[in-house]
Amino acid sequence: MEVSQRSGPVEEPPGHRWAAILGTGVAIVTLTLPIIMIASYSPSGSNAQPIPQATYQTKIRANSME
C-alpha cells in the first residue's frame, strides 16, 4: 500500500455552524440598522415644518434696503 493512499472513510473538518449563524446576524444588523436609524431621525410626516431657504432675490432685497 502506498503512503499517499488512505483506507477507510475520508474525514472532513467539522462545519462552521457558529460562523454561519454569526454571519447571518451581522448581515441582518447591517441591513436593518441604517433603516431604523434613518427612520428614527427623520421628521415624522405631518409634524414636519419646512425650513425656509433664502433665495438670491431675498438677499438682493435685504442688501438694497440697508
C-alpha atoms as a PDB file:
ATOM      1  CA  MET A   1       0.000   0.000   0.000  1.00  0.00           C
ATOM      2  CA  GLU A   2       1.339   3.419  -0.914  1.00  0.00           C
ATOM      3  CA  VAL A   3       1.635   6.205   1.613  1.00  0.00           C
ATOM      4  CA  SER A   4      -0.485   8.640  -0.426  1.00  0.00           C
ATOM      5  CA  GLN A   5      -3.495   6.322  -0.373  1.00  0.00           C
ATOM      6  CA  ARG A   6      -5.713   6.140   2.680  1.00  0.00           C
ATOM      7  CA  SER A   7      -8.031   3.375   3.556  1.00  0.00           C
ATOM      8  CA  GLY A   8     -11.377   3.967   5.232  1.00  0.00           C
ATOM      9  CA  PRO A   9     -13.732   6.930   5.205  1.00  0.00           C
ATOM     10  CA  VAL A  10     -12.387  10.391   4.469  1.00  0.00           C
ATOM     11  CA  GLU A  11     -12.806  12.695   7.438  1.00  0.00           C
ATOM     12  CA  GLU A  12     -13.964  16.209   6.684  1.00  0.00           C
ATOM     13  CA  PRO A  13     -13.410  19.102   9.052  1.00  0.00           C
ATOM     14  CA  PRO A  14     -16.384  19.971  11.260  1.00  0.00           C
ATOM     15  CA  GLY A  15     -18.783  22.550   9.852  1.00  0.00           C
ATOM     16  CA  HIS A  16     -18.557  26.125  10.965  1.00  0.00           C
ATOM     17  CA  ARG A  17     -22.101  26.364  12.274  1.00  0.00           C
ATOM     18  CA  TRP A  18     -21.476  29.242  14.667  1.00  0.00           C
ATOM     19  CA  ALA A  19     -19.682  31.211  11.975  1.00  0.00           C
ATOM     20  CA  ALA A  20     -22.703  30.890   9.692  1.00  0.00           C
ATOM     21  CA  ILE A  21     -25.069  31.984  12.466  1.00  0.00           C
ATOM     22  CA  LEU A  22     -22.846  34.923  13.383  1.00  0.00           C
ATOM     23  CA  GLY A  23     -22.506  35.946   9.733  1.00  0.00           C
ATOM     24  CA  THR A  24     -26.269  35.864   9.286  1.00  0.00           C
ATOM     25  CA  GLY A  25     -26.722  38.000  12.393  1.00  0.00           C
ATOM     26  CA  VAL A  26     -24.182  40.550  11.197  1.00  0.00           C
ATOM     27  CA  ALA A  27     -25.859  40.699   7.782  1.00  0.00           C
ATOM     28  CA  ILE A  28     -29.295  41.299   9.314  1.00  0.00           C
ATOM     29  CA  VAL A  29     -27.984  44.049  11.597  1.00  0.00           C
ATOM     30  CA  THR A  30     -26.070  45.644   8.716  1.00  0.00           C
ATOM     31  CA  LEU A  31     -29.181  45.781   6.555  1.00  0.00           C
ATOM     32  CA  THR A  32     -31.713  46.855   9.188  1.00  0.00           C
ATOM     33  CA  LEU A  33     -29.794  49.240  11.455  1.00  0.00           C
ATOM     34  CA  PRO A  34     -29.359  52.034   8.860  1.00  0.00           C
ATOM     35  CA  ILE A  35     -33.075  51.908   8.026  1.00  0.00           C
ATOM     36  CA  ILE A  36     -34.020  52.091  11.706  1.00  0.00           C
ATOM     37  CA  MET A  37     -31.627  54.995  12.339  1.00  0.00           C
ATOM     38  CA  ILE A  38     -32.861  56.962   9.323  1.00  0.00           C
ATOM     39  CA  ALA A  39     -36.477  56.402  10.369  1.00  0.00           C
ATOM     40  CA  SER A  40     -35.819  57.493  13.953  1.00  0.00           C
ATOM     41  CA  TYR A  41     -34.035  60.726  12.990  1.00  0.00           C
ATOM     42  CA  SER A  42     -36.233  61.769  10.070  1.00  0.00           C
ATOM     43  CA  PRO A  43     -39.123  64.152  10.748  1.00  0.00           C
ATOM     44  CA  SER A  44     -42.490  62.477  11.042  1.00  0.00           C
ATOM     45  CA  GLY A  45     -44.949  63.247   8.210  1.00  0.00           C
ATOM     46  CA  SER A  46     -47.481  65.923   9.243  1.00  0.00           C
ATOM     47  CA  ASN A  47     -45.411  67.493  12.043  1.00  0.00           C
ATOM     48  CA  ALA A  48     -42.558  68.399   9.734  1.00  0.00           C
ATOM     49  CA  GLN A  49     -42.065  72.106   9.152  1.00  0.00           C
ATOM     50  CA  PRO A  50     -40.106  73.076   6.052  1.00  0.00           C
ATOM     51  CA  ILE A  51     -37.068  75.237   6.663  1.00  0.00           C
ATOM     52  CA  PRO A  52     -37.335  78.473   4.688  1.00  0.00           C
ATOM     53  CA  GLN A  53     -34.464  78.883   2.288  1.00  0.00           C
ATOM     54  CA  ALA A  54     -33.101  82.315   1.498  1.00  0.00           C
ATOM     55  CA  THR A  55     -33.141  82.829  -2.243  1.00  0.00           C
ATOM     56  CA  TYR A  56     -30.920  85.055  -4.285  1.00  0.00           C
ATOM     57  CA  GLN A  57     -33.741  87.623  -4.715  1.00  0.00           C
ATOM     58  CA  THR A  58     -34.338  87.983  -0.975  1.00  0.00           C
ATOM     59  CA  LYS A  59     -30.634  88.538  -0.383  1.00  0.00           C
ATOM     60  CA  ILE A  60     -30.545  91.302  -3.020  1.00  0.00           C
ATOM     61  CA  ARG A  61     -33.594  92.993  -1.498  1.00  0.00           C
ATOM     62  CA  ALA A  62     -32.139  92.788   2.009  1.00  0.00           C
ATOM     63  CA  ASN A  63     -28.854  94.353   0.846  1.00  0.00           C
ATOM     64  CA  SER A  64     -30.583  97.121  -1.135  1.00  0.00           C
ATOM     65  CA  MET A  65     -32.694  98.199   1.855  1.00  0.00           C
ATOM     66  CA  GLU A  66     -29.657  98.821   4.048  1.00  0.00           C
END
